[in-house]
């Protein structure tokens, strides 16, 4: 079993009063929000498609073929995105 994602490593750089809220992270990415979804599960895929409805951009760091296999190829996202 894989360990869950730990988030942006910058969150842990430098001393902090609150775990995961290092000073560099707070200064450079104050409005960043994070979410973890298991896209291989129906609930995760549905949540991602709901997020796509209001997104301006969808960026990913896997091959396009992998996105297609997950059900998140261009055509599927385009179906739920009005613009």
PDB file of N, CA and C in Angstrom:
ATOM      1  N   UNK A   1       0.846  -1.181   0.000  1.00  0.00           N
ATOM      2  CA  UNK A   1       0.000   0.000   0.000  1.00  0.00           C
ATOM      3  C   UNK A   1       0.887   1.238   0.000  1.00  0.00           C
ATOM      4  N   UNK A   2       0.520   2.204  -0.828  1.00  0.00           N
ATOM      5  CA  UNK A   2       1.286   3.436  -0.910  1.00  0.00           C
ATOM      6  C   UNK A   2       0.935   4.365   0.252  1.00  0.00           C
ATOM      7  N   UNK A   3       1.910   5.140   0.651  1.00  0.00           N
ATOM      8  CA  UNK A   3       1.662   6.153   1.680  1.00  0.00           C
ATOM      9  C   UNK A   3       0.882   7.301   1.058  1.00  0.00           C
ATOM     10  N   UNK A   4       0.027   7.971   1.815  1.00  0.00           N
ATOM     11  CA  UNK A   4      -0.708   9.099   1.259  1.00  0.00           C
ATOM     12  C   UNK A   4       0.236  10.248   0.924  1.00  0.00           C
ATOM     13  N   UNK A   5      -0.132  11.075  -0.038  1.00  0.00           N
ATOM     14  CA  UNK A   5       0.712  12.222  -0.391  1.00  0.00           C
ATOM     15  C   UNK A   5       0.923  13.147   0.808  1.00  0.00           C
ATOM     16  N   UNK A   6       2.107  13.684   0.911  1.00  0.00           N
ATOM     17  CA  UNK A   6       2.429  14.541   2.048  1.00  0.00           C
ATOM     18  C   UNK A   6       2.256  16.015   1.779  1.00  0.00           C
ATOM     19  N   UNK A   7       1.980  16.371   0.542  1.00  0.00           N
ATOM     20  CA  UNK A   7       1.804  17.777   0.225  1.00  0.00           C
ATOM     21  C   UNK A   7       3.088  18.408  -0.287  1.00  0.00           C
ATOM     22  N   UNK A   8       3.022  19.659  -0.574  1.00  0.00           N
ATOM     23  CA  UNK A   8       4.140  20.427  -1.097  1.00  0.00           C
ATOM     24  C   UNK A   8       5.284  20.428  -0.080  1.00  0.00           C
ATOM     25  N   UNK A   9       6.495  19.980  -0.475  1.00  0.00           N
ATOM     26  CA  UNK A   9       7.624  19.957   0.463  1.00  0.00           C
ATOM     27  C   UNK A   9       7.929  21.342   1.052  1.00  0.00           C
ATOM     28  N   UNK A  10       7.588  22.395   0.331  1.00  0.00           N
ATOM     29  CA  UNK A  10       7.830  23.748   0.824  1.00  0.00           C
ATOM     30  C   UNK A  10       7.058  24.022   2.117  1.00  0.00           C
ATOM     31  N   UNK A  11       5.985  23.275   2.347  1.00  0.00           N
ATOM     32  CA  UNK A  11       5.204  23.442   3.579  1.00  0.00           C
ATOM     33  C   UNK A  11       6.052  23.174   4.823  1.00  0.00           C
ATOM     34  N   UNK A  12       7.056  22.345   4.669  1.00  0.00           N
ATOM     35  CA  UNK A  12       7.833  21.904   5.826  1.00  0.00           C
ATOM     36  C   UNK A  12       9.203  22.562   5.921  1.00  0.00           C
ATOM     37  N   UNK A  13       9.494  23.520   5.045  1.00  0.00           N
ATOM     38  CA  UNK A  13      10.792  24.198   5.044  1.00  0.00           C
ATOM     39  C   UNK A  13      10.813  25.297   6.096  1.00  0.00           C
ATOM     40  N   UNK A  14      11.791  25.249   6.939  1.00  0.00           N
ATOM     41  CA  UNK A  14      11.966  26.287   7.952  1.00  0.00           C
ATOM     42  C   UNK A  14      11.144  26.028   9.205  1.00  0.00           C
ATOM     43  N   UNK A  15      11.447  26.786  10.245  1.00  0.00           N
ATOM     44  CA  UNK A  15      10.719  26.600  11.511  1.00  0.00           C
ATOM     45  C   UNK A  15       9.280  27.105  11.378  1.00  0.00           C
ATOM     46  N   UNK A  16       8.377  26.450  12.072  1.00  0.00           N
ATOM     47  CA  UNK A  16       6.986  26.900  12.021  1.00  0.00           C
ATOM     48  C   UNK A  16       6.283  26.612  13.336  1.00  0.00           C
ATOM     49  N   UNK A  17       5.288  27.390  13.617  1.00  0.00           N
ATOM     50  CA  UNK A  17       4.477  27.178  14.816  1.00  0.00           C
ATOM     51  C   UNK A  17       3.429  26.111  14.576  1.00  0.00           C
ATOM     52  N   UNK A  18       2.976  26.005  13.330  1.00  0.00           N
ATOM     53  CA  UNK A  18       1.940  25.050  12.972  1.00  0.00           C
ATOM     54  C   UNK A  18       2.507  24.074  11.957  1.00  0.00           C
ATOM     55  N   UNK A  19       2.346  22.782  12.200  1.00  0.00           N
ATOM     56  CA  UNK A  19       2.865  21.763  11.294  1.00  0.00           C
ATOM     57  C   UNK A  19       2.311  21.966   9.883  1.00  0.00           C
ATOM     58  N   UNK A  20       3.199  21.911   8.904  1.00  0.00           N
ATOM     59  CA  UNK A  20       2.785  22.057   7.519  1.00  0.00           C
ATOM     60  C   UNK A  20       2.566  23.484   7.072  1.00  0.00           C
ATOM     61  N   UNK A  21       2.963  24.438   7.889  1.00  0.00           N
ATOM     62  CA  UNK A  21       2.784  25.848   7.538  1.00  0.00           C
ATOM     63  C   UNK A  21       4.089  26.602   7.755  1.00  0.00           C
ATOM     64  N   UNK A  22       5.139  26.163   7.051  1.00  0.00           N
ATOM     65  CA  UNK A  22       6.434  26.819   7.163  1.00  0.00           C
ATOM     66  C   UNK A  22       6.393  28.234   6.631  1.00  0.00           C
ATOM     67  N   UNK A  23       7.327  29.078   7.037  1.00  0.00           N
ATOM     68  CA  UNK A  23       7.312  30.486   6.634  1.00  0.00           C
ATOM     69  C   UNK A  23       7.442  30.694   5.131  1.00  0.00           C
ATOM     70  N   UNK A  24       8.256  29.879   4.455  1.00  0.00           N
ATOM     71  CA  UNK A  24       8.384  30.034   2.999  1.00  0.00           C
ATOM     72  C   UNK A  24       7.072  29.714   2.305  1.00  0.00           C
ATOM     73  N   UNK A  25       6.419  28.660   2.740  1.00  0.00           N
ATOM     74  CA  UNK A  25       5.146  28.288   2.141  1.00  0.00           C
ATOM     75  C   UNK A  25       4.118  29.404   2.335  1.00  0.00           C
ATOM     76  N   UNK A  26       4.034  29.927   3.544  1.00  0.00           N
ATOM     77  CA  UNK A  26       3.052  30.971   3.833  1.00  0.00           C
ATOM     78  C   UNK A  26       3.318  32.242   3.041  1.00  0.00           C
ATOM     79  N   UNK A  27       4.591  32.542   2.798  1.00  0.00           N
ATOM     80  CA  UNK A  27       4.923  33.753   2.057  1.00  0.00           C
ATOM     81  C   UNK A  27       4.735  33.579   0.554  1.00  0.00           C
ATOM     82  N   UNK A  28       5.147  32.429   0.018  1.00  0.00           N
ATOM     83  CA  UNK A  28       5.137  32.249  -1.431  1.00  0.00           C
ATOM     84  C   UNK A  28       3.824  31.694  -1.975  1.00  0.00           C
ATOM     85  N   UNK A  29       3.079  30.986  -1.142  1.00  0.00           N
ATOM     86  CA  UNK A  29       1.856  30.346  -1.632  1.00  0.00           C
ATOM     87  C   UNK A  29       0.704  30.542  -0.652  1.00  0.00           C
ATOM     88  N   UNK A  30       0.394  31.779  -0.314  1.00  0.00           N
ATOM     89  CA  UNK A  30      -0.606  32.003   0.734  1.00  0.00           C
ATOM     90  C   UNK A  30      -2.022  31.561   0.363  1.00  0.00           C
ATOM     91  N   UNK A  31      -2.339  31.523  -0.909  1.00  0.00           N
ATOM     92  CA  UNK A  31      -3.699  31.165  -1.318  1.00  0.00           C
ATOM     93  C   UNK A  31      -3.808  29.745  -1.860  1.00  0.00           C
ATOM     94  N   UNK A  32      -2.739  28.963  -1.750  1.00  0.00           N
ATOM     95  CA  UNK A  32      -2.767  27.617  -2.298  1.00  0.00           C
ATOM     96  C   UNK A  32      -3.641  26.713  -1.446  1.00  0.00           C
ATOM     97  N   UNK A  33      -4.483  25.979  -2.098  1.00  0.00           N
ATOM     98  CA  UNK A  33      -5.304  24.974  -1.427  1.00  0.00           C
ATOM     99  C   UNK A  33      -4.924  23.611  -1.991  1.00  0.00           C
ATOM    100  N   UNK A  34      -5.060  22.590  -1.186  1.00  0.00           N
ATOM    101  CA  UNK A  34      -4.704  21.244  -1.619  1.00  0.00           C
ATOM    102  C   UNK A  34      -5.851  20.286  -1.355  1.00  0.00           C
ATOM    103  N   UNK A  35      -5.935  19.282  -2.206  1.00  0.00           N
ATOM    104  CA  UNK A  35      -6.919  18.224  -2.021  1.00  0.00           C
ATOM    105  C   UNK A  35      -6.296  16.938  -2.538  1.00  0.00           C
ATOM    106  N   UNK A  36      -6.606  15.831  -1.907  1.00  0.00           N
ATOM    107  CA  UNK A  36      -6.112  14.530  -2.339  1.00  0.00           C
ATOM    108  C   UNK A  36      -7.312  13.706  -2.770  1.00  0.00           C
ATOM    109  N   UNK A  37      -7.273  13.212  -4.013  1.00  0.00           N
ATOM    110  CA  UNK A  37      -8.350  12.386  -4.546  1.00  0.00           C
ATOM    111  C   UNK A  37      -7.768  11.099  -5.093  1.00  0.00           C
ATOM    112  N   UNK A  38      -8.429   9.989  -4.845  1.00  0.00           N
ATOM    113  CA  UNK A  38      -8.049   8.719  -5.457  1.00  0.00           C
ATOM    114  C   UNK A  38      -8.867   8.602  -6.733  1.00  0.00           C
ATOM    115  N   UNK A  39      -8.269   8.929  -7.856  1.00  0.00           N
ATOM    116  CA  UNK A  39      -8.982   8.982  -9.123  1.00  0.00           C
ATOM    117  C   UNK A  39      -9.338   7.602  -9.663  1.00  0.00           C
ATOM    118  N   UNK A  40      -8.824   6.564  -9.039  1.00  0.00           N
ATOM    119  CA  UNK A  40      -9.175   5.202  -9.456  1.00  0.00           C
ATOM    120  C   UNK A  40     -10.464   4.731  -8.790  1.00  0.00           C
ATOM    121  N   UNK A  41     -10.954   5.519  -7.843  1.00  0.00           N
ATOM    122  CA  UNK A  41     -12.223   5.205  -7.193  1.00  0.00           C
ATOM    123  C   UNK A  41     -13.300   6.121  -7.752  1.00  0.00           C
ATOM    124  N   UNK A  42     -14.517   5.603  -7.833  1.00  0.00           N
ATOM    125  CA  UNK A  42     -15.633   6.358  -8.403  1.00  0.00           C
ATOM    126  C   UNK A  42     -15.832   7.697  -7.705  1.00  0.00           C
ATOM    127  N   UNK A  43     -15.754   7.697  -6.377  1.00  0.00           N
ATOM    128  CA  UNK A  43     -15.970   8.934  -5.622  1.00  0.00           C
ATOM    129  C   UNK A  43     -14.919   9.986  -5.949  1.00  0.00           C
ATOM    130  N   UNK A  44     -13.672   9.550  -6.102  1.00  0.00           N
ATOM    131  CA  UNK A  44     -12.597  10.481  -6.440  1.00  0.00           C
ATOM    132  C   UNK A  44     -12.765  11.062  -7.825  1.00  0.00           C
ATOM    133  N   UNK A  45     -13.151  10.214  -8.779  1.00  0.00           N
ATOM    134  CA  UNK A  45     -13.374  10.676 -10.156  1.00  0.00           C
ATOM    135  C   UNK A  45     -14.536  11.660 -10.209  1.00  0.00           C
ATOM    136  N   UNK A  46     -15.626  11.340  -9.512  1.00  0.00           N
ATOM    137  CA  UNK A  46     -16.773  12.247  -9.495  1.00  0.00           C
ATOM    138  C   UNK A  46     -16.411  13.597  -8.873  1.00  0.00           C
ATOM    139  N   UNK A  47     -15.629  13.568  -7.801  1.00  0.00           N
ATOM    140  CA  UNK A  47     -15.204  14.814  -7.160  1.00  0.00           C
ATOM    141  C   UNK A  47     -14.338  15.633  -8.112  1.00  0.00           C
ATOM    142  N   UNK A  48     -13.451  14.978  -8.834  1.00  0.00           N
ATOM    143  CA  UNK A  48     -12.586  15.689  -9.786  1.00  0.00           C
ATOM    144  C   UNK A  48     -13.415  16.341 -10.891  1.00  0.00           C
ATOM    145  N   UNK A  49     -14.387  15.630 -11.407  1.00  0.00           N
ATOM    146  CA  UNK A  49     -15.229  16.200 -12.458  1.00  0.00           C
ATOM    147  C   UNK A  49     -16.048  17.369 -11.931  1.00  0.00           C
ATOM    148  N   UNK A  50     -16.479  17.314 -10.672  1.00  0.00           N
ATOM    149  CA  UNK A  50     -17.179  18.461 -10.080  1.00  0.00           C
ATOM    150  C   UNK A  50     -16.249  19.670  -9.990  1.00  0.00           C
ATOM    151  N   UNK A  51     -14.995  19.424  -9.615  1.00  0.00           N
ATOM    152  CA  UNK A  51     -14.020  20.514  -9.551  1.00  0.00           C
ATOM    153  C   UNK A  51     -13.770  21.102 -10.941  1.00  0.00           C
ATOM    154  N   UNK A  52     -13.751  20.252 -11.951  1.00  0.00           N
ATOM    155  CA  UNK A  52     -13.499  20.706 -13.322  1.00  0.00           C
ATOM    156  C   UNK A  52     -14.586  21.655 -13.809  1.00  0.00           C
ATOM    157  N   UNK A  53     -15.796  21.526 -13.289  1.00  0.00           N
ATOM    158  CA  UNK A  53     -16.902  22.381 -13.734  1.00  0.00           C
ATOM    159  C   UNK A  53     -16.622  23.859 -13.497  1.00  0.00           C
ATOM    160  N   UNK A  54     -15.856  24.156 -12.452  1.00  0.00           N
ATOM    161  CA  UNK A  54     -15.596  25.560 -12.128  1.00  0.00           C
ATOM    162  C   UNK A  54     -14.139  25.960 -12.338  1.00  0.00           C
ATOM    163  N   UNK A  55     -13.337  25.063 -12.859  1.00  0.00           N
ATOM    164  CA  UNK A  55     -11.906  25.347 -13.042  1.00  0.00           C
ATOM    165  C   UNK A  55     -11.656  26.140 -14.322  1.00  0.00           C
ATOM    166  N   UNK A  56     -10.681  27.024 -14.258  1.00  0.00           N
ATOM    167  CA  UNK A  56     -10.235  27.732 -15.456  1.00  0.00           C
ATOM    168  C   UNK A  56      -9.248  26.876 -16.238  1.00  0.00           C
ATOM    169  N   UNK A  57      -8.448  26.095 -15.507  1.00  0.00           N
ATOM    170  CA  UNK A  57      -7.398  25.284 -16.110  1.00  0.00           C
ATOM    171  C   UNK A  57      -7.317  23.958 -15.366  1.00  0.00           C
ATOM    172  N   UNK A  58      -7.076  22.888 -16.100  1.00  0.00           N
ATOM    173  CA  UNK A  58      -6.797  21.592 -15.490  1.00  0.00           C
ATOM    174  C   UNK A  58      -5.394  21.199 -15.929  1.00  0.00           C
ATOM    175  N   UNK A  59      -4.486  21.102 -14.971  1.00  0.00           N
ATOM    176  CA  UNK A  59      -3.106  20.724 -15.259  1.00  0.00           C
ATOM    177  C   UNK A  59      -2.836  19.376 -14.614  1.00  0.00           C
ATOM    178  N   UNK A  60      -2.045  18.567 -15.256  1.00  0.00           N
ATOM    179  CA  UNK A  60      -1.712  17.252 -14.708  1.00  0.00           C
ATOM    180  C   UNK A  60      -0.272  16.920 -15.046  1.00  0.00           C
ATOM    181  N   UNK A  61       0.275  15.967 -14.317  1.00  0.00           N
ATOM    182  CA  UNK A  61       1.684  15.617 -14.528  1.00  0.00           C
ATOM    183  C   UNK A  61       1.856  14.139 -14.864  1.00  0.00           C
ATOM    184  N   UNK A  62       0.913  13.608 -15.626  1.00  0.00           N
ATOM    185  CA  UNK A  62       1.008  12.241 -16.131  1.00  0.00           C
ATOM    186  C   UNK A  62       0.764  12.276 -17.640  1.00  0.00           C
ATOM    187  N   UNK A  63       1.027  11.169 -18.294  1.00  0.00           N
ATOM    188  CA  UNK A  63       0.807  11.109 -19.744  1.00  0.00           C
ATOM    189  C   UNK A  63      -0.683  11.260 -20.073  1.00  0.00           C
ATOM    190  N   UNK A  64      -1.000  11.856 -21.211  1.00  0.00           N
ATOM    191  CA  UNK A  64      -2.401  11.997 -21.611  1.00  0.00           C
ATOM    192  C   UNK A  64      -3.133  10.652 -21.657  1.00  0.00           C
ATOM    193  N   UNK A  65      -2.431   9.588 -22.035  1.00  0.00           N
ATOM    194  CA  UNK A  65      -3.052   8.268 -22.093  1.00  0.00           C
ATOM    195  C   UNK A  65      -3.516   7.813 -20.709  1.00  0.00           C
ATOM    196  N   UNK A  66      -2.753   8.174 -19.681  1.00  0.00           N
ATOM    197  CA  UNK A  66      -3.136   7.815 -18.312  1.00  0.00           C
ATOM    198  C   UNK A  66      -4.393   8.572 -17.901  1.00  0.00           C
ATOM    199  N   UNK A  67      -4.488   9.839 -18.295  1.00  0.00           N
ATOM    200  CA  UNK A  67      -5.695  10.613 -18.000  1.00  0.00           C
ATOM    201  C   UNK A  67      -6.899  10.009 -18.710  1.00  0.00           C
ATOM    202  N   UNK A  68      -6.712   9.578 -19.933  1.00  0.00           N
ATOM    203  CA  UNK A  68      -7.804   8.921 -20.672  1.00  0.00           C
ATOM    204  C   UNK A  68      -8.267   7.671 -19.935  1.00  0.00           C
ATOM    205  N   UNK A  69      -7.326   6.844 -19.483  1.00  0.00           N
ATOM    206  CA  UNK A  69      -7.693   5.612 -18.762  1.00  0.00           C
ATOM    207  C   UNK A  69      -8.459   5.910 -17.483  1.00  0.00           C
ATOM    208  N   UNK A  70      -8.139   7.026 -16.842  1.00  0.00           N
ATOM    209  CA  UNK A  70      -8.830   7.409 -15.619  1.00  0.00           C
ATOM    210  C   UNK A  70     -10.209   8.006 -15.892  1.00  0.00           C
ATOM    211  N   UNK A  71     -10.498   8.301 -17.152  1.00  0.00           N
ATOM    212  CA  UNK A  71     -11.769   8.939 -17.491  1.00  0.00           C
ATOM    213  C   UNK A  71     -11.687  10.448 -17.442  1.00  0.00           C
ATOM    214  N   UNK A  72     -10.461  10.974 -17.488  1.00  0.00           N
ATOM    215  CA  UNK A  72     -10.257  12.418 -17.391  1.00  0.00           C
ATOM    216  C   UNK A  72      -9.556  12.986 -18.617  1.00  0.00           C
ATOM    217  N   UNK A  73      -9.802  12.384 -19.760  1.00  0.00           N
ATOM    218  CA  UNK A  73      -9.252  12.909 -20.997  1.00  0.00           C
ATOM    219  C   UNK A  73      -9.952  14.205 -21.385  1.00  0.00           C
ATOM    220  N   UNK A  74      -9.425  14.875 -22.370  1.00  0.00           N
ATOM    221  CA  UNK A  74      -9.963  16.168 -22.806  1.00  0.00           C
ATOM    222  C   UNK A  74     -11.464  16.095 -23.080  1.00  0.00           C
ATOM    223  N   UNK A  75     -11.895  15.091 -23.833  1.00  0.00           N
ATOM    224  CA  UNK A  75     -13.305  15.001 -24.209  1.00  0.00           C
ATOM    225  C   UNK A  75     -14.214  14.839 -22.997  1.00  0.00           C
ATOM    226  N   UNK A  76     -13.808  14.043 -22.024  1.00  0.00           N
ATOM    227  CA  UNK A  76     -14.643  13.849 -20.824  1.00  0.00           C
ATOM    228  C   UNK A  76     -14.702  15.124 -19.978  1.00  0.00           C
ATOM    229  N   UNK A  77     -13.581  15.795 -19.848  1.00  0.00           N
ATOM    230  CA  UNK A  77     -13.587  17.043 -19.071  1.00  0.00           C
ATOM    231  C   UNK A  77     -14.407  18.096 -19.812  1.00  0.00           C
ATOM    232  N   UNK A  78     -14.273  18.140 -21.111  1.00  0.00           N
ATOM    233  CA  UNK A  78     -15.006  19.123 -21.918  1.00  0.00           C
ATOM    234  C   UNK A  78     -16.521  18.958 -21.775  1.00  0.00           C
ATOM    235  N   UNK A  79     -16.988  17.727 -21.558  1.00  0.00           N
ATOM    236  CA  UNK A  79     -18.426  17.470 -21.405  1.00  0.00           C
ATOM    237  C   UNK A  79     -18.994  18.140 -20.153  1.00  0.00           C
ATOM    238  N   UNK A  80     -18.192  18.257 -19.107  1.00  0.00           N
ATOM    239  CA  UNK A  80     -18.710  18.822 -17.855  1.00  0.00           C
ATOM    240  C   UNK A  80     -18.320  20.290 -17.651  1.00  0.00           C
ATOM    241  N   UNK A  81     -17.479  20.811 -18.545  1.00  0.00           N
ATOM    242  CA  UNK A  81     -17.000  22.180 -18.404  1.00  0.00           C
ATOM    243  C   UNK A  81     -17.735  23.089 -19.382  1.00  0.00           C
ATOM    244  N   UNK A  82     -18.463  24.054 -18.879  1.00  0.00           N
ATOM    245  CA  UNK A  82     -19.235  24.915 -19.774  1.00  0.00           C
ATOM    246  C   UNK A  82     -18.378  25.758 -20.721  1.00  0.00           C
ATOM    247  N   UNK A  83     -17.202  26.205 -20.276  1.00  0.00           N
ATOM    248  CA  UNK A  83     -16.392  27.092 -21.113  1.00  0.00           C
ATOM    249  C   UNK A  83     -15.259  26.363 -21.703  1.00  0.00           C
TER     250      UNK A  83
END
